[in-house]
Amino acid sequence: MKIPVSADLLDGLVLALLNQQDNYGYAITQAMQAAIPVSESTLYPVLRRLKKDGLVTTYDQPYQGRNRRYYQITDLGKTRLTVITEEWNHYKQQLDRIFKGGSDR
C-alpha cells in the first residue's frame, strides 16, 4: 500500500536529512527512497521551494571535474523542522490511538 506524503511531510523529511549533514540532490533522493517512494522529479522542486523560502542554502563543491550542488539547512529551516516534527508527533499519536484501539474521548 502506498500512503500519499504531503508537501509539509516531504519538507520535514528533507530538512531532517539536512539537519544530519549537508548533501547533494541525488544523495538526498537516495536517502528518501530508502524510506518512502519518491522520485527525483518530485524532490528537486521541494529543494527549490525550500531554498526560495530560506529554509536551505546551497553551495557548490568540485566533484570529478564538475560542480556538485550541496544543500545546507538554515536556522530558519531548523525552526521549521522543529514545528513539523512536533506536528508529526501529535499526528502520529492520534493515529496510533486509533490503530491500537484506544480513544481519549
N, C-alpha and C. Protein backbone atom coordinates (compact mmCIF):
# COMPACT_ATOMS: atom_id res chain seq x y z
N MET A 1 0.85 -1.17 0.00
CA MET A 1 0.00 0.00 0.00
C MET A 1 0.89 1.24 0.00
N LYS A 2 0.51 2.20 -0.81
CA LYS A 2 1.23 3.48 -0.84
C LYS A 2 0.36 4.54 -0.19
N ILE A 3 0.89 5.16 0.84
CA ILE A 3 0.19 6.24 1.51
C ILE A 3 0.79 7.55 1.01
N PRO A 4 -0.05 8.46 0.49
CA PRO A 4 0.49 9.71 -0.03
C PRO A 4 1.20 10.53 1.05
N VAL A 5 2.23 11.20 0.64
CA VAL A 5 3.02 12.04 1.55
C VAL A 5 2.74 13.49 1.21
N SER A 6 2.36 14.27 2.21
CA SER A 6 2.04 15.69 1.99
C SER A 6 3.31 16.50 1.73
N ALA A 7 3.13 17.68 1.19
CA ALA A 7 4.26 18.58 0.93
C ALA A 7 4.96 18.94 2.24
N ASP A 8 4.19 19.18 3.30
CA ASP A 8 4.81 19.51 4.59
C ASP A 8 5.67 18.37 5.11
N LEU A 9 5.18 17.14 4.94
CA LEU A 9 5.96 16.00 5.41
C LEU A 9 7.22 15.81 4.57
N LEU A 10 7.10 16.00 3.25
CA LEU A 10 8.30 15.94 2.39
C LEU A 10 9.31 16.99 2.83
N ASP A 11 8.84 18.22 3.08
CA ASP A 11 9.73 19.27 3.55
C ASP A 11 10.42 18.83 4.83
N GLY A 12 9.65 18.30 5.76
CA GLY A 12 10.21 17.88 7.04
C GLY A 12 11.24 16.78 6.89
N LEU A 13 10.98 15.82 6.01
CA LEU A 13 11.94 14.73 5.80
C LEU A 13 13.25 15.25 5.20
N VAL A 14 13.13 16.12 4.22
CA VAL A 14 14.34 16.71 3.61
C VAL A 14 15.11 17.52 4.65
N LEU A 15 14.40 18.35 5.41
CA LEU A 15 15.07 19.16 6.43
C LEU A 15 15.72 18.27 7.49
N ALA A 16 15.07 17.17 7.85
CA ALA A 16 15.65 16.26 8.84
C ALA A 16 16.94 15.64 8.31
N LEU A 17 16.95 15.26 7.04
CA LEU A 17 18.18 14.72 6.45
C LEU A 17 19.29 15.76 6.44
N LEU A 18 18.94 17.00 6.06
CA LEU A 18 19.94 18.05 6.00
C LEU A 18 20.37 18.51 7.38
N ASN A 19 19.55 18.28 8.37
CA ASN A 19 19.94 18.60 9.75
C ASN A 19 21.04 17.64 10.23
N GLN A 20 21.10 16.47 9.63
CA GLN A 20 22.14 15.49 9.96
C GLN A 20 23.45 15.83 9.25
N GLN A 21 23.33 16.25 7.98
CA GLN A 21 24.53 16.64 7.22
C GLN A 21 24.12 17.31 5.92
N ASP A 22 24.97 18.19 5.42
CA ASP A 22 24.77 18.78 4.11
C ASP A 22 24.83 17.65 3.09
N ASN A 23 24.09 17.80 1.99
CA ASN A 23 24.12 16.76 0.98
C ASN A 23 23.67 17.32 -0.35
N TYR A 24 23.90 16.54 -1.41
CA TYR A 24 23.51 16.93 -2.77
C TYR A 24 22.23 16.19 -3.15
N GLY A 25 21.56 16.70 -4.17
CA GLY A 25 20.23 16.24 -4.53
C GLY A 25 20.08 14.75 -4.71
N TYR A 26 20.98 14.13 -5.47
CA TYR A 26 20.85 12.70 -5.74
C TYR A 26 20.97 11.89 -4.45
N ALA A 27 21.90 12.26 -3.58
CA ALA A 27 22.07 11.55 -2.31
C ALA A 27 20.85 11.73 -1.41
N ILE A 28 20.26 12.91 -1.44
CA ILE A 28 19.04 13.15 -0.67
C ILE A 28 17.92 12.26 -1.20
N THR A 29 17.80 12.19 -2.52
CA THR A 29 16.79 11.33 -3.13
C THR A 29 16.99 9.88 -2.71
N GLN A 30 18.22 9.41 -2.75
CA GLN A 30 18.51 8.01 -2.37
C GLN A 30 18.13 7.76 -0.91
N ALA A 31 18.45 8.68 -0.03
CA ALA A 31 18.11 8.52 1.38
C ALA A 31 16.60 8.51 1.58
N MET A 32 15.90 9.35 0.85
CA MET A 32 14.44 9.39 0.95
C MET A 32 13.84 8.10 0.42
N GLN A 33 14.37 7.60 -0.70
CA GLN A 33 13.83 6.39 -1.30
C GLN A 33 14.01 5.16 -0.42
N ALA A 34 14.94 5.23 0.52
CA ALA A 34 15.11 4.13 1.46
C ALA A 34 13.92 4.04 2.42
N ALA A 35 13.16 5.13 2.55
CA ALA A 35 12.03 5.17 3.48
C ALA A 35 10.68 5.24 2.77
N ILE A 36 10.60 6.05 1.71
CA ILE A 36 9.33 6.24 1.01
C ILE A 36 9.58 6.29 -0.49
N PRO A 37 8.56 5.97 -1.29
CA PRO A 37 8.75 6.08 -2.74
C PRO A 37 8.68 7.55 -3.17
N VAL A 38 9.79 8.06 -3.64
CA VAL A 38 9.84 9.45 -4.11
C VAL A 38 10.83 9.51 -5.27
N SER A 39 10.49 10.29 -6.28
CA SER A 39 11.36 10.40 -7.46
C SER A 39 12.15 11.70 -7.41
N GLU A 40 13.19 11.74 -8.22
CA GLU A 40 13.97 12.97 -8.33
C GLU A 40 13.10 14.10 -8.85
N SER A 41 12.17 13.78 -9.74
CA SER A 41 11.30 14.82 -10.29
C SER A 41 10.37 15.40 -9.24
N THR A 42 10.14 14.67 -8.17
CA THR A 42 9.36 15.18 -7.04
C THR A 42 10.26 15.97 -6.10
N LEU A 43 11.45 15.47 -5.86
CA LEU A 43 12.31 16.04 -4.83
C LEU A 43 12.95 17.37 -5.22
N TYR A 44 13.37 17.52 -6.46
CA TYR A 44 14.05 18.75 -6.83
C TYR A 44 13.17 20.00 -6.69
N PRO A 45 11.89 19.92 -7.04
CA PRO A 45 11.03 21.09 -6.75
C PRO A 45 10.91 21.38 -5.26
N VAL A 46 10.94 20.35 -4.43
CA VAL A 46 10.92 20.54 -2.98
C VAL A 46 12.17 21.30 -2.56
N LEU A 47 13.31 20.89 -3.06
CA LEU A 47 14.57 21.56 -2.71
C LEU A 47 14.56 23.02 -3.18
N ARG A 48 14.05 23.26 -4.38
CA ARG A 48 13.97 24.65 -4.88
C ARG A 48 13.06 25.50 -4.00
N ARG A 49 11.92 24.93 -3.59
CA ARG A 49 10.98 25.67 -2.74
C ARG A 49 11.60 25.96 -1.37
N LEU A 50 12.28 24.97 -0.81
CA LEU A 50 12.93 25.17 0.49
C LEU A 50 13.98 26.28 0.39
N LYS A 51 14.70 26.31 -0.72
CA LYS A 51 15.70 27.37 -0.91
C LYS A 51 15.03 28.72 -1.06
N LYS A 52 13.98 28.78 -1.87
CA LYS A 52 13.25 30.03 -2.08
C LYS A 52 12.70 30.57 -0.77
N ASP A 53 12.26 29.67 0.10
CA ASP A 53 11.67 30.07 1.39
C ASP A 53 12.73 30.34 2.46
N GLY A 54 14.00 30.20 2.11
CA GLY A 54 15.08 30.49 3.05
C GLY A 54 15.32 29.40 4.09
N LEU A 55 14.79 28.20 3.83
CA LEU A 55 14.97 27.10 4.78
C LEU A 55 16.25 26.32 4.53
N VAL A 56 16.78 26.43 3.32
CA VAL A 56 18.08 25.84 2.99
C VAL A 56 18.87 26.83 2.14
N THR A 57 20.16 26.65 2.13
CA THR A 57 21.04 27.39 1.22
C THR A 57 21.79 26.35 0.40
N THR A 58 22.48 26.81 -0.62
CA THR A 58 23.26 25.90 -1.45
C THR A 58 24.69 26.41 -1.60
N TYR A 59 25.56 25.48 -1.87
CA TYR A 59 26.93 25.80 -2.24
C TYR A 59 27.43 24.69 -3.15
N ASP A 60 28.41 25.01 -3.99
CA ASP A 60 28.94 24.04 -4.94
C ASP A 60 30.29 23.52 -4.47
N GLN A 61 30.51 22.24 -4.73
CA GLN A 61 31.79 21.58 -4.42
C GLN A 61 32.24 20.86 -5.68
N PRO A 62 33.52 20.97 -6.02
CA PRO A 62 34.01 20.22 -7.18
C PRO A 62 33.95 18.71 -6.93
N TYR A 63 33.53 17.98 -7.96
CA TYR A 63 33.47 16.53 -7.89
C TYR A 63 33.73 15.97 -9.28
N GLN A 64 34.81 15.27 -9.44
CA GLN A 64 35.19 14.63 -10.71
C GLN A 64 35.09 15.60 -11.90
N GLY A 65 35.65 16.78 -11.72
CA GLY A 65 35.71 17.76 -12.79
C GLY A 65 34.44 18.58 -12.99
N ARG A 66 33.46 18.34 -12.18
CA ARG A 66 32.21 19.11 -12.25
C ARG A 66 31.89 19.65 -10.87
N ASN A 67 30.93 20.54 -10.81
CA ASN A 67 30.47 21.03 -9.52
C ASN A 67 29.24 20.26 -9.09
N ARG A 68 29.20 19.93 -7.83
CA ARG A 68 28.05 19.26 -7.23
C ARG A 68 27.41 20.25 -6.27
N ARG A 69 26.11 20.47 -6.43
CA ARG A 69 25.38 21.43 -5.58
C ARG A 69 24.95 20.75 -4.29
N TYR A 70 25.42 21.31 -3.19
CA TYR A 70 25.06 20.80 -1.86
C TYR A 70 24.02 21.71 -1.22
N TYR A 71 23.15 21.10 -0.45
CA TYR A 71 22.11 21.82 0.28
C TYR A 71 22.44 21.79 1.75
N GLN A 72 22.20 22.92 2.41
CA GLN A 72 22.51 23.07 3.84
C GLN A 72 21.31 23.72 4.52
N ILE A 73 20.88 23.16 5.66
CA ILE A 73 19.75 23.71 6.39
C ILE A 73 20.16 25.03 7.05
N THR A 74 19.25 25.99 7.07
CA THR A 74 19.50 27.28 7.72
C THR A 74 18.87 27.26 9.12
N ASP A 75 19.12 28.32 9.88
CA ASP A 75 18.48 28.43 11.20
C ASP A 75 16.96 28.46 11.06
N LEU A 76 16.47 29.16 10.03
CA LEU A 76 15.04 29.18 9.78
C LEU A 76 14.52 27.78 9.44
N GLY A 77 15.32 27.03 8.70
CA GLY A 77 14.97 25.65 8.37
C GLY A 77 14.92 24.77 9.61
N LYS A 78 15.84 24.99 10.54
CA LYS A 78 15.84 24.22 11.80
C LYS A 78 14.59 24.54 12.62
N THR A 79 14.19 25.80 12.62
CA THR A 79 12.96 26.19 13.33
C THR A 79 11.76 25.51 12.69
N ARG A 80 11.70 25.53 11.35
CA ARG A 80 10.59 24.88 10.64
C ARG A 80 10.60 23.37 10.89
N LEU A 81 11.77 22.77 10.93
CA LEU A 81 11.88 21.34 11.21
C LEU A 81 11.31 21.02 12.59
N THR A 82 11.58 21.85 13.56
CA THR A 82 11.05 21.63 14.91
C THR A 82 9.52 21.65 14.89
N VAL A 83 8.95 22.61 14.18
CA VAL A 83 7.48 22.71 14.09
C VAL A 83 6.90 21.47 13.40
N ILE A 84 7.48 21.09 12.27
CA ILE A 84 6.99 19.92 11.53
C ILE A 84 7.11 18.67 12.39
N THR A 85 8.22 18.52 13.10
CA THR A 85 8.42 17.35 13.95
C THR A 85 7.37 17.29 15.05
N GLU A 86 7.08 18.42 15.67
CA GLU A 86 6.05 18.46 16.72
C GLU A 86 4.69 18.11 16.15
N GLU A 87 4.36 18.67 14.98
CA GLU A 87 3.07 18.37 14.35
C GLU A 87 2.99 16.89 13.97
N TRP A 88 4.09 16.34 13.44
CA TRP A 88 4.12 14.93 13.08
C TRP A 88 3.92 14.04 14.31
N ASN A 89 4.60 14.35 15.39
CA ASN A 89 4.46 13.53 16.61
C ASN A 89 3.02 13.55 17.12
N HIS A 90 2.38 14.70 17.09
CA HIS A 90 0.98 14.79 17.52
C HIS A 90 0.08 13.97 16.59
N TYR A 91 0.27 14.12 15.30
CA TYR A 91 -0.50 13.39 14.29
C TYR A 91 -0.32 11.89 14.46
N LYS A 92 0.92 11.46 14.63
CA LYS A 92 1.24 10.03 14.80
C LYS A 92 0.58 9.49 16.06
N GLN A 93 0.61 10.23 17.14
CA GLN A 93 -0.03 9.78 18.38
C GLN A 93 -1.52 9.59 18.19
N GLN A 94 -2.15 10.50 17.47
CA GLN A 94 -3.59 10.38 17.22
C GLN A 94 -3.89 9.14 16.39
N LEU A 95 -3.11 8.90 15.36
CA LEU A 95 -3.32 7.72 14.53
C LEU A 95 -3.03 6.44 15.31
N ASP A 96 -1.98 6.44 16.11
CA ASP A 96 -1.65 5.26 16.90
C ASP A 96 -2.79 4.90 17.85
N ARG A 97 -3.45 5.88 18.41
CA ARG A 97 -4.59 5.61 19.29
C ARG A 97 -5.68 4.84 18.55
N ILE A 98 -5.93 5.25 17.33
CA ILE A 98 -6.96 4.58 16.54
C ILE A 98 -6.50 3.17 16.15
N PHE A 99 -5.29 3.06 15.62
CA PHE A 99 -4.79 1.75 15.20
C PHE A 99 -4.70 0.76 16.36
N LYS A 100 -4.41 1.26 17.51
CA LYS A 100 -4.25 0.38 18.68
C LYS A 100 -5.55 0.21 19.45
N GLY A 101 -6.65 0.79 18.93
CA GLY A 101 -7.97 0.59 19.53
C GLY A 101 -8.28 1.45 20.72
N GLY A 102 -7.49 2.44 21.00
CA GLY A 102 -7.76 3.32 22.15
C GLY A 102 -8.41 4.60 21.70
N SER A 103 -8.94 5.30 22.65
CA SER A 103 -9.57 6.60 22.36
C SER A 103 -9.50 7.45 23.61
N ASP A 104 -9.33 8.74 23.43
CA ASP A 104 -9.29 9.67 24.57
C ASP A 104 -10.63 10.36 24.76
N ARG A 105 -11.66 9.90 24.10
CA ARG A 105 -12.98 10.54 24.23
C ARG A 105 -13.65 10.11 25.49
